[in-house]
Amino acid sequence: MIKFSSVSKYFPPDTFAISDISFEVEPGELVLLTGPSGSGKTTIMRLLTREYIATKGDVIFADIDLNKVKNSKVHEIRRKIGVIFQDYLLLPELNIWENIALPLSIIGKPQAEIEQRVTDLLTLVSLTDKAFLFPKQLSGGEAQRISIARALSTAPEIVFADEPTGNLDRETSLEIGKLIRKINSFGTTVIFATHDHDIMDLLKDIRHIELDKGKIVRDSKIARSTQSEASTDKNEITTNNDKKDKDDKKSKEEIKEATKEEIKNNKNSEMNKENSKKSAKKSKKIKPKEEK
């Protein structure tokens, strides 16, 4: 679904926001994108939404090379990507219902479909009772949940959450983290950019890409793959060693048996020789009777 191949973004005179990064995100995947402020998380989002064009490398989304998309077609790409912003970016002159409905109105959805979609999304974020309030009447956590609902309004293929808990307290941040995980469980691909340690702990079991100074310093998917390969190699070595041990043991046993058989045969041979000697001596003592 998403593929960054050796991507760099340069800003004159001497700044690389990201430098030679490569990763892929599969459909339905939930990925945690972490790193300190200025590490390149937002740059990745803006490359994905075609606000920026990569200085070097390829950015592929849904089999489309975003570097080659004409400006007149960029809006078609953005309809497939829902963005959740740290500062909510709700329109203050519109009420909550209207904020969520706006993207659907822009793309020409019929009123009946808009009403059903907005109702469903308000139910998802548990704010049906706030539908006709205005953004300034909401708490930070409520405003962010409405921002999430708006990002989902056009049923995007991917959601990019750009530091969505940056302005929230710990308890509210964890609620937002659980809501985004729930959204992913419906099959939506999610990239969750954050440097919130509570969120990292909450989502510690998912794939984690860590950025620092515009470079990927860790990708847990690659780390797990490497560990798996190492484990496979170790198992193969163990299996081979076990087989070698068994073969060695078998060989030793065969040698022992062969040695025993050889000793037995030698002993029997010696006994046969001894018996032959005794028989020969006995035959010499016995003289045949003379005929009269």
C-alpha atoms as a PDB file:
ATOM      1  CA  MET A   1       0.000   0.000   0.000  1.00  0.00           C
ATOM      2  CA  ILE A   2       2.726   2.494   1.017  1.00  0.00           C
ATOM      3  CA  LYS A   3       6.352   2.257  -0.013  1.00  0.00           C
ATOM      4  CA  PHE A   4       9.163   4.727   0.616  1.00  0.00           C
ATOM      5  CA  SER A   5      12.326   3.796  -1.312  1.00  0.00           C
ATOM      6  CA  SER A   6      15.535   5.682  -0.437  1.00  0.00           C
ATOM      7  CA  VAL A   7      13.555   8.898   0.099  1.00  0.00           C
ATOM      8  CA  SER A   8      15.188  12.198   1.028  1.00  0.00           C
ATOM      9  CA  LYS A   9      13.639  15.641   1.450  1.00  0.00           C
ATOM     10  CA  TYR A  10      16.027  18.578   1.277  1.00  0.00           C
ATOM     11  CA  PHE A  11      15.322  22.179   2.261  1.00  0.00           C
ATOM     12  CA  PRO A  12      17.916  24.774   1.227  1.00  0.00           C
ATOM     13  CA  PRO A  13      20.426  25.839   2.248  1.00  0.00           C
ATOM     14  CA  ASP A  14      21.564  22.790   4.193  1.00  0.00           C
ATOM     15  CA  THR A  15      18.695  20.879   5.850  1.00  0.00           C
ATOM     16  CA  PHE A  16      17.609  17.300   5.215  1.00  0.00           C
ATOM     17  CA  ALA A  17      14.219  16.761   6.905  1.00  0.00           C
ATOM     18  CA  ILE A  18      14.561  13.069   6.080  1.00  0.00           C
ATOM     19  CA  SER A  19      17.524  11.301   4.525  1.00  0.00           C
ATOM     20  CA  ASP A  20      17.546   8.048   2.547  1.00  0.00           C
ATOM     21  CA  ILE A  21      14.672   6.334   4.357  1.00  0.00           C
ATOM     22  CA  SER A  22      12.977   3.144   3.164  1.00  0.00           C
ATOM     23  CA  PHE A  23       9.979   1.280   4.572  1.00  0.00           C
ATOM     24  CA  GLU A  24       6.721  -0.333   3.528  1.00  0.00           C
ATOM     25  CA  VAL A  25       3.294  -0.379   5.190  1.00  0.00           C
ATOM     26  CA  GLU A  26       0.894  -3.192   4.342  1.00  0.00           C
ATOM     27  CA  PRO A  27      -2.913  -2.791   4.004  1.00  0.00           C
ATOM     28  CA  GLY A  28      -4.619  -2.967   7.401  1.00  0.00           C
ATOM     29  CA  GLU A  29      -1.375  -2.457   9.316  1.00  0.00           C
ATOM     30  CA  LEU A  30      -1.032  -0.224  12.409  1.00  0.00           C
ATOM     31  CA  VAL A  31       2.411   1.386  12.607  1.00  0.00           C
ATOM     32  CA  LEU A  32       3.827   3.535  15.374  1.00  0.00           C
ATOM     33  CA  LEU A  33       6.126   6.241  13.974  1.00  0.00           C
ATOM     34  CA  THR A  34       8.204   7.726  16.775  1.00  0.00           C
ATOM     35  CA  GLY A  35      11.038  10.145  17.348  1.00  0.00           C
ATOM     36  CA  PRO A  36      11.705  13.529  18.913  1.00  0.00           C
ATOM     37  CA  SER A  37      10.343  16.769  17.457  1.00  0.00           C
ATOM     38  CA  GLY A  38      12.102  17.513  14.182  1.00  0.00           C
ATOM     39  CA  SER A  39      12.988  13.884  13.473  1.00  0.00           C
ATOM     40  CA  GLY A  40      10.940  13.789  10.241  1.00  0.00           C
ATOM     41  CA  LYS A  41       7.527  12.388  11.230  1.00  0.00           C
ATOM     42  CA  THR A  42       5.464  15.277   9.839  1.00  0.00           C
ATOM     43  CA  THR A  43       7.609  15.389   6.688  1.00  0.00           C
ATOM     44  CA  ILE A  44       6.629  11.777   5.972  1.00  0.00           C
ATOM     45  CA  MET A  45       2.956  12.743   6.346  1.00  0.00           C
ATOM     46  CA  ARG A  46       3.350  15.703   3.964  1.00  0.00           C
ATOM     47  CA  LEU A  47       5.121  13.553   1.399  1.00  0.00           C
ATOM     48  CA  LEU A  48       2.282  11.060   1.628  1.00  0.00           C
ATOM     49  CA  THR A  49      -0.376  13.734   1.113  1.00  0.00           C
ATOM     50  CA  ARG A  50       1.711  15.315  -1.685  1.00  0.00           C
ATOM     51  CA  GLU A  51       2.158  18.625   0.115  1.00  0.00           C
ATOM     52  CA  TYR A  52       5.861  17.927  -0.450  1.00  0.00           C
ATOM     53  CA  ILE A  53       7.608  16.187  -3.329  1.00  0.00           C
ATOM     54  CA  ALA A  54      10.609  14.029  -2.493  1.00  0.00           C
ATOM     55  CA  THR A  55      13.979  15.486  -3.448  1.00  0.00           C
ATOM     56  CA  LYS A  56      15.250  11.965  -4.039  1.00  0.00           C
ATOM     57  CA  GLY A  57      13.702   8.488  -4.040  1.00  0.00           C
ATOM     58  CA  ASP A  58      10.207   7.135  -4.665  1.00  0.00           C
ATOM     59  CA  VAL A  59       7.023   7.519  -2.617  1.00  0.00           C
ATOM     60  CA  ILE A  60       4.416   4.978  -3.712  1.00  0.00           C
ATOM     61  CA  PHE A  61       0.816   4.959  -2.475  1.00  0.00           C
ATOM     62  CA  ALA A  62      -1.778   2.526  -3.845  1.00  0.00           C
ATOM     63  CA  ASP A  63       0.617   1.677  -6.721  1.00  0.00           C
ATOM     64  CA  ILE A  64       0.883   5.368  -7.677  1.00  0.00           C
ATOM     65  CA  ASP A  65       4.210   7.204  -7.774  1.00  0.00           C
ATOM     66  CA  LEU A  66       3.321  10.393  -5.906  1.00  0.00           C
ATOM     67  CA  ASN A  67       6.284  12.283  -7.367  1.00  0.00           C
ATOM     68  CA  LYS A  68       4.648  11.992 -10.799  1.00  0.00           C
ATOM     69  CA  VAL A  69       1.060  12.914  -9.848  1.00  0.00           C
ATOM     70  CA  LYS A  70      -0.151  16.057 -11.593  1.00  0.00           C
ATOM     71  CA  ASN A  71      -1.261  18.915  -9.367  1.00  0.00           C
ATOM     72  CA  SER A  72      -4.746  18.653 -10.846  1.00  0.00           C
ATOM     73  CA  LYS A  73      -4.989  15.064  -9.519  1.00  0.00           C
ATOM     74  CA  VAL A  74      -3.575  15.600  -6.012  1.00  0.00           C
ATOM     75  CA  HIS A  75      -7.060  16.019  -4.504  1.00  0.00           C
ATOM     76  CA  GLU A  76      -7.899  12.463  -5.601  1.00  0.00           C
ATOM     77  CA  ILE A  77      -4.958  11.149  -3.589  1.00  0.00           C
ATOM     78  CA  ARG A  78      -5.884  13.191  -0.524  1.00  0.00           C
ATOM     79  CA  ARG A  79      -9.430  11.808  -0.485  1.00  0.00           C
ATOM     80  CA  LYS A  80      -7.898   8.394   0.228  1.00  0.00           C
ATOM     81  CA  ILE A  81      -5.884   9.684   3.193  1.00  0.00           C
ATOM     82  CA  GLY A  82      -7.430  10.928   6.433  1.00  0.00           C
ATOM     83  CA  VAL A  83      -5.189  13.144   8.570  1.00  0.00           C
ATOM     84  CA  ILE A  84      -5.598  13.709  12.299  1.00  0.00           C
ATOM     85  CA  PHE A  85      -3.774  16.872  13.406  1.00  0.00           C
ATOM     86  CA  GLN A  86      -2.317  17.725  16.795  1.00  0.00           C
ATOM     87  CA  ASP A  87      -4.176  21.071  16.833  1.00  0.00           C
ATOM     88  CA  TYR A  88      -7.510  19.573  15.627  1.00  0.00           C
ATOM     89  CA  LEU A  89      -7.952  22.236  12.880  1.00  0.00           C
ATOM     90  CA  LEU A  90     -11.739  22.272  13.242  1.00  0.00           C
ATOM     91  CA  LEU A  91     -13.478  25.193  11.551  1.00  0.00           C
ATOM     92  CA  PRO A  92     -14.679  27.469  14.391  1.00  0.00           C
ATOM     93  CA  GLU A  93     -17.646  28.890  12.444  1.00  0.00           C
ATOM     94  CA  LEU A  94     -19.136  25.409  11.872  1.00  0.00           C
ATOM     95  CA  ASN A  95     -20.734  23.215  14.520  1.00  0.00           C
ATOM     96  CA  ILE A  96     -19.543  19.671  15.145  1.00  0.00           C
ATOM     97  CA  TRP A  97     -22.022  18.082  12.757  1.00  0.00           C
ATOM     98  CA  GLU A  98     -21.052  20.494   9.989  1.00  0.00           C
ATOM     99  CA  ASN A  99     -17.301  19.961  10.548  1.00  0.00           C
ATOM    100  CA  ILE A 100     -17.673  16.211  10.033  1.00  0.00           C
ATOM    101  CA  ALA A 101     -20.081  16.600   7.117  1.00  0.00           C
ATOM    102  CA  LEU A 102     -17.975  19.147   5.210  1.00  0.00           C
ATOM    103  CA  PRO A 103     -15.600  16.695   3.400  1.00  0.00           C
ATOM    104  CA  LEU A 104     -18.607  14.626   2.319  1.00  0.00           C
ATOM    105  CA  SER A 105     -20.360  17.714   0.955  1.00  0.00           C
ATOM    106  CA  ILE A 106     -17.224  18.720  -0.964  1.00  0.00           C
ATOM    107  CA  ILE A 107     -17.071  15.379  -2.799  1.00  0.00           C
ATOM    108  CA  GLY A 108     -20.790  15.562  -3.609  1.00  0.00           C
ATOM    109  CA  LYS A 109     -22.308  12.856  -1.421  1.00  0.00           C
ATOM    110  CA  PRO A 110     -26.135  12.910  -1.207  1.00  0.00           C
ATOM    111  CA  GLN A 111     -27.653  14.424   1.936  1.00  0.00           C
ATOM    112  CA  ALA A 112     -29.142  11.146   3.172  1.00  0.00           C
ATOM    113  CA  GLU A 113     -25.731   9.441   2.994  1.00  0.00           C
ATOM    114  CA  ILE A 114     -24.073  12.391   4.740  1.00  0.00           C
ATOM    115  CA  GLU A 115     -26.566  12.270   7.616  1.00  0.00           C
ATOM    116  CA  GLN A 116     -26.093   8.541   8.103  1.00  0.00           C
ATOM    117  CA  ARG A 117     -22.295   8.772   7.925  1.00  0.00           C
ATOM    118  CA  VAL A 118     -22.059  11.650  10.396  1.00  0.00           C
ATOM    119  CA  THR A 119     -24.392   9.875  12.822  1.00  0.00           C
ATOM    120  CA  ASP A 120     -22.299   6.703  12.625  1.00  0.00           C
ATOM    121  CA  LEU A 121     -19.070   8.607  13.232  1.00  0.00           C
ATOM    122  CA  LEU A 122     -20.450  10.550  16.193  1.00  0.00           C
ATOM    123  CA  THR A 123     -21.524   7.209  17.658  1.00  0.00           C
ATOM    124  CA  LEU A 124     -18.048   5.768  17.064  1.00  0.00           C
ATOM    125  CA  VAL A 125     -16.366   8.612  18.976  1.00  0.00           C
ATOM    126  CA  SER A 126     -19.129   8.667  21.630  1.00  0.00           C
ATOM    127  CA  LEU A 127     -20.131  12.306  21.073  1.00  0.00           C
ATOM    128  CA  THR A 128     -23.657  12.159  19.657  1.00  0.00           C
ATOM    129  CA  ASP A 129     -24.774  14.593  22.365  1.00  0.00           C
ATOM    130  CA  LYS A 130     -22.276  17.237  21.154  1.00  0.00           C
ATOM    131  CA  ALA A 131     -23.408  17.356  17.517  1.00  0.00           C
ATOM    132  CA  PHE A 132     -24.661  20.942  17.535  1.00  0.00           C
ATOM    133  CA  LEU A 133     -21.989  22.503  19.739  1.00  0.00           C
ATOM    134  CA  PHE A 134     -19.138  24.553  18.306  1.00  0.00           C
ATOM    135  CA  PRO A 135     -15.442  23.666  18.612  1.00  0.00           C
ATOM    136  CA  LYS A 136     -14.751  26.285  21.295  1.00  0.00           C
ATOM    137  CA  GLN A 137     -17.347  24.578  23.506  1.00  0.00           C
ATOM    138  CA  LEU A 138     -15.443  21.281  23.535  1.00  0.00           C
ATOM    139  CA  SER A 139     -12.626  19.996  25.736  1.00  0.00           C
ATOM    140  CA  GLY A 140      -9.307  19.100  24.102  1.00  0.00           C
ATOM    141  CA  GLY A 141     -10.122  15.388  24.145  1.00  0.00           C
ATOM    142  CA  GLU A 142     -13.572  15.971  22.642  1.00  0.00           C
ATOM    143  CA  ALA A 143     -12.151  18.229  19.930  1.00  0.00           C
ATOM    144  CA  GLN A 144      -9.596  15.564  19.005  1.00  0.00           C
ATOM    145  CA  ARG A 145     -12.278  12.877  18.779  1.00  0.00           C
ATOM    146  CA  ILE A 146     -14.246  15.114  16.416  1.00  0.00           C
ATOM    147  CA  SER A 147     -11.046  15.602  14.405  1.00  0.00           C
ATOM    148  CA  ILE A 148     -10.769  11.797  14.180  1.00  0.00           C
ATOM    149  CA  ALA A 149     -14.394  11.514  13.046  1.00  0.00           C
ATOM    150  CA  ARG A 150     -13.798  14.123  10.337  1.00  0.00           C
ATOM    151  CA  ALA A 151     -10.653  12.281   9.157  1.00  0.00           C
ATOM    152  CA  LEU A 152     -12.765   9.132   8.739  1.00  0.00           C
ATOM    153  CA  SER A 153     -15.697  10.831   7.019  1.00  0.00           C
ATOM    154  CA  THR A 154     -14.719   9.906   3.447  1.00  0.00           C
ATOM    155  CA  ALA A 155     -13.793   6.314   4.428  1.00  0.00           C
ATOM    156  CA  PRO A 156     -10.071   6.764   3.638  1.00  0.00           C
ATOM    157  CA  GLU A 157      -7.776   3.851   2.870  1.00  0.00           C
ATOM    158  CA  ILE A 158      -5.230   5.148   5.355  1.00  0.00           C
ATOM    159  CA  VAL A 159      -5.283   7.404   8.398  1.00  0.00           C
ATOM    160  CA  PHE A 160      -2.187   9.377   9.378  1.00  0.00           C
ATOM    161  CA  ALA A 161      -2.387  10.554  12.995  1.00  0.00           C
ATOM    162  CA  ASP A 162       0.189  13.329  13.414  1.00  0.00           C
ATOM    163  CA  GLU A 163       0.912  13.730  17.140  1.00  0.00           C
ATOM    164  CA  PRO A 164      -2.818  13.551  18.008  1.00  0.00           C
ATOM    165  CA  THR A 165      -2.206  13.418  21.775  1.00  0.00           C
ATOM    166  CA  GLY A 166       0.383  16.217  21.925  1.00  0.00           C
ATOM    167  CA  ASN A 167      -1.983  18.664  23.650  1.00  0.00           C
ATOM    168  CA  LEU A 168      -3.830  16.182  25.874  1.00  0.00           C
ATOM    169  CA  ASP A 169      -3.430  14.869  29.409  1.00  0.00           C
ATOM    170  CA  ARG A 170      -2.369  11.260  30.046  1.00  0.00           C
ATOM    171  CA  GLU A 171      -5.841   9.797  30.600  1.00  0.00           C
ATOM    172  CA  THR A 172      -7.300  11.480  27.512  1.00  0.00           C
ATOM    173  CA  SER A 173      -4.254  10.494  25.447  1.00  0.00           C
ATOM    174  CA  LEU A 174      -4.783   6.844  26.317  1.00  0.00           C
ATOM    175  CA  GLU A 175      -8.468   7.106  25.320  1.00  0.00           C
ATOM    176  CA  ILE A 176      -7.414   8.514  21.927  1.00  0.00           C
ATOM    177  CA  GLY A 177      -4.853   5.720  21.549  1.00  0.00           C
ATOM    178  CA  LYS A 178      -7.502   3.068  22.231  1.00  0.00           C
ATOM    179  CA  LEU A 179      -9.909   4.738  19.781  1.00  0.00           C
ATOM    180  CA  ILE A 180      -7.301   4.731  17.009  1.00  0.00           C
ATOM    181  CA  ARG A 181      -6.544   1.076  17.703  1.00  0.00           C
ATOM    182  CA  LYS A 182     -10.279   0.346  17.439  1.00  0.00           C
ATOM    183  CA  ILE A 183     -10.392   2.125  14.070  1.00  0.00           C
ATOM    184  CA  ASN A 184      -7.500  -0.042  12.872  1.00  0.00           C
ATOM    185  CA  SER A 185      -9.371  -3.171  13.983  1.00  0.00           C
ATOM    186  CA  PHE A 186     -12.038  -2.312  11.356  1.00  0.00           C
ATOM    187  CA  GLY A 187      -9.373  -2.751   8.652  1.00  0.00           C
ATOM    188  CA  THR A 188      -8.202   0.837   8.183  1.00  0.00           C
ATOM    189  CA  THR A 189      -4.446   1.245   7.732  1.00  0.00           C
ATOM    190  CA  VAL A 190      -3.069   3.617  10.384  1.00  0.00           C
ATOM    191  CA  ILE A 191       0.259   5.396  10.814  1.00  0.00           C
ATOM    192  CA  PHE A 192       0.404   6.878  14.322  1.00  0.00           C
ATOM    193  CA  ALA A 193       3.154   9.492  14.673  1.00  0.00           C
ATOM    194  CA  THR A 194       3.994  10.309  18.275  1.00  0.00           C
ATOM    195  CA  HIS A 195       6.689  10.842  20.891  1.00  0.00           C
ATOM    196  CA  ASP A 196       4.189  10.235  23.734  1.00  0.00           C
ATOM    197  CA  HIS A 197       5.672   7.510  25.966  1.00  0.00           C
ATOM    198  CA  ASP A 198       2.242   6.554  27.343  1.00  0.00           C
ATOM    199  CA  ILE A 199       1.071   5.815  23.793  1.00  0.00           C
ATOM    200  CA  MET A 200       4.267   3.863  23.107  1.00  0.00           C
ATOM    201  CA  ASP A 201       3.577   1.720  26.175  1.00  0.00           C
ATOM    202  CA  LEU A 202      -0.074   1.253  25.176  1.00  0.00           C
ATOM    203  CA  LEU A 203       0.900   0.147  21.656  1.00  0.00           C
ATOM    204  CA  LYS A 204       4.169  -1.611  22.493  1.00  0.00           C
ATOM    205  CA  ASP A 205       3.042  -4.819  20.746  1.00  0.00           C
ATOM    206  CA  ILE A 206       2.668  -3.207  17.304  1.00  0.00           C
ATOM    207  CA  ARG A 207       5.255  -2.375  14.667  1.00  0.00           C
ATOM    208  CA  HIS A 208       7.472   0.525  15.700  1.00  0.00           C
ATOM    209  CA  ILE A 209       9.516   2.679  13.305  1.00  0.00           C
ATOM    210  CA  GLU A 210      11.837   5.048  15.158  1.00  0.00           C
ATOM    211  CA  LEU A 211      13.284   8.186  13.542  1.00  0.00           C
ATOM    212  CA  ASP A 212      16.181  10.344  14.627  1.00  0.00           C
ATOM    213  CA  LYS A 213      17.551  13.330  12.713  1.00  0.00           C
ATOM    214  CA  GLY A 214      15.684  12.304   9.585  1.00  0.00           C
ATOM    215  CA  LYS A 215      16.882   8.697   9.521  1.00  0.00           C
ATOM    216  CA  ILE A 216      15.250   5.411  10.511  1.00  0.00           C
ATOM    217  CA  VAL A 217      17.235   4.063  13.453  1.00  0.00           C
ATOM    218  CA  ARG A 218      14.945   1.127  14.226  1.00  0.00           C
ATOM    219  CA  ASP A 219      12.140  -0.824  12.577  1.00  0.00           C
ATOM    220  CA  SER A 220      10.768  -3.566  14.835  1.00  0.00           C
ATOM    221  CA  LYS A 221       9.397  -5.455  11.811  1.00  0.00           C
ATOM    222  CA  ILE A 222      12.919  -5.846  10.423  1.00  0.00           C
ATOM    223  CA  ALA A 223      14.251  -6.659  13.893  1.00  0.00           C
ATOM    224  CA  ARG A 224      11.655  -9.421  14.331  1.00  0.00           C
ATOM    225  CA  SER A 225      12.441 -10.758  10.871  1.00  0.00           C
ATOM    226  CA  THR A 226      16.167 -10.821  11.660  1.00  0.00           C
ATOM    227  CA  GLN A 227      15.518 -12.563  14.972  1.00  0.00           C
ATOM    228  CA  SER A 228      13.308 -15.091  13.211  1.00  0.00           C
ATOM    229  CA  GLU A 229      16.006 -15.809  10.622  1.00  0.00           C
ATOM    230  CA  ALA A 230      18.604 -16.124  13.383  1.00  0.00           C
ATOM    231  CA  SER A 231      16.299 -18.484  15.257  1.00  0.00           C
ATOM    232  CA  THR A 232      15.795 -20.548  12.084  1.00  0.00           C
ATOM    233  CA  ASP A 233      19.548 -20.708  11.525  1.00  0.00           C
ATOM    234  CA  LYS A 234      20.044 -21.694  15.157  1.00  0.00           C
ATOM    235  CA  ASN A 235      17.408 -24.407  14.850  1.00  0.00           C
ATOM    236  CA  GLU A 236      19.049 -25.689  11.681  1.00  0.00           C
ATOM    237  CA  ILE A 237      22.426 -25.753  13.417  1.00  0.00           C
ATOM    238  CA  THR A 238      20.893 -27.523  16.423  1.00  0.00           C
ATOM    239  CA  THR A 239      19.151 -30.031  14.141  1.00  0.00           C
ATOM    240  CA  ASN A 240      22.370 -30.663  12.245  1.00  0.00           C
ATOM    241  CA  ASN A 241      24.288 -31.019  15.492  1.00  0.00           C
ATOM    242  CA  ASP A 242      21.661 -33.397  16.853  1.00  0.00           C
ATOM    243  CA  LYS A 243      21.850 -35.428  13.639  1.00  0.00           C
ATOM    244  CA  LYS A 244      25.640 -35.445  13.840  1.00  0.00           C
ATOM    245  CA  ASP A 245      25.484 -36.545  17.474  1.00  0.00           C
ATOM    246  CA  LYS A 246      23.054 -39.332  16.557  1.00  0.00           C
ATOM    247  CA  ASP A 247      25.232 -40.383  13.628  1.00  0.00           C
ATOM    248  CA  ASP A 248      28.314 -40.330  15.833  1.00  0.00           C
ATOM    249  CA  LYS A 249      26.518 -42.354  18.486  1.00  0.00           C
ATOM    250  CA  LYS A 250      25.260 -44.798  15.887  1.00  0.00           C
ATOM    251  CA  SER A 251      28.725 -45.062  14.394  1.00  0.00           C
ATOM    252  CA  LYS A 252      30.250 -45.747  17.804  1.00  0.00           C
ATOM    253  CA  GLU A 253      27.647 -48.396  18.529  1.00  0.00           C
ATOM    254  CA  GLU A 254      28.258 -49.992  15.142  1.00  0.00           C
ATOM    255  CA  ILE A 255      31.997 -50.016  15.826  1.00  0.00           C
ATOM    256  CA  LYS A 256      31.377 -51.570  19.231  1.00  0.00           C
ATOM    257  CA  GLU A 257      29.143 -54.247  17.733  1.00  0.00           C
ATOM    258  CA  ALA A 258      31.603 -54.929  14.947  1.00  0.00           C
ATOM    259  CA  THR A 259      34.421 -55.182  17.465  1.00  0.00           C
ATOM    260  CA  LYS A 260      32.424 -57.588  19.607  1.00  0.00           C
ATOM    261  CA  GLU A 261      31.632 -59.697  16.542  1.00  0.00           C
ATOM    262  CA  GLU A 262      35.268 -59.669  15.505  1.00  0.00           C
ATOM    263  CA  ILE A 263      36.386 -60.740  18.980  1.00  0.00           C
ATOM    264  CA  LYS A 264      33.731 -63.463  18.991  1.00  0.00           C
ATOM    265  CA  ASN A 265      34.808 -64.670  15.556  1.00  0.00           C
ATOM    266  CA  ASN A 266      38.456 -64.621  16.577  1.00  0.00           C
ATOM    267  CA  LYS A 267      37.627 -66.530  19.751  1.00  0.00           C
ATOM    268  CA  ASN A 268      35.652 -69.115  17.778  1.00  0.00           C
ATOM    269  CA  SER A 269      38.514 -69.386  15.303  1.00  0.00           C
ATOM    270  CA  GLU A 270      40.996 -69.967  18.115  1.00  0.00           C
ATOM    271  CA  MET A 271      38.714 -72.588  19.644  1.00  0.00           C
ATOM    272  CA  ASN A 272      38.368 -74.311  16.275  1.00  0.00           C
ATOM    273  CA  LYS A 273      42.148 -74.364  15.857  1.00  0.00           C
ATOM    274  CA  GLU A 274      42.587 -75.795  19.348  1.00  0.00           C
ATOM    275  CA  ASN A 275      39.970 -78.476  18.727  1.00  0.00           C
ATOM    276  CA  SER A 276      41.646 -79.340  15.442  1.00  0.00           C
ATOM    277  CA  LYS A 277      44.985 -79.793  17.205  1.00  0.00           C
ATOM    278  CA  LYS A 278      43.408 -82.033  19.878  1.00  0.00           C
ATOM    279  CA  SER A 279      41.701 -84.125  17.231  1.00  0.00           C
ATOM    280  CA  ALA A 280      44.977 -84.550  15.370  1.00  0.00           C
ATOM    281  CA  LYS A 281      46.829 -85.716  18.496  1.00  0.00           C
ATOM    282  CA  LYS A 282      44.066 -88.170  19.334  1.00  0.00           C
ATOM    283  CA  SER A 283      44.087 -89.634  15.867  1.00  0.00           C
ATOM    284  CA  LYS A 284      47.842 -90.345  16.165  1.00  0.00           C
ATOM    285  CA  LYS A 285      47.391 -92.363  19.420  1.00  0.00           C
ATOM    286  CA  ILE A 286      44.727 -94.622  17.973  1.00  0.00           C
ATOM    287  CA  LYS A 287      46.270 -97.403  15.809  1.00  0.00           C
ATOM    288  CA  PRO A 288      44.182 -99.469  13.475  1.00  0.00           C
ATOM    289  CA  LYS A 289      43.729-103.182  14.349  1.00  0.00           C
ATOM    290  CA  GLU A 290      45.915-105.643  12.431  1.00  0.00           C
ATOM    291  CA  GLU A 291      44.109-108.316  10.432  1.00  0.00           C
ATOM    292  CA  LYS A 292      44.894-111.848  11.317  1.00  0.00           C
END
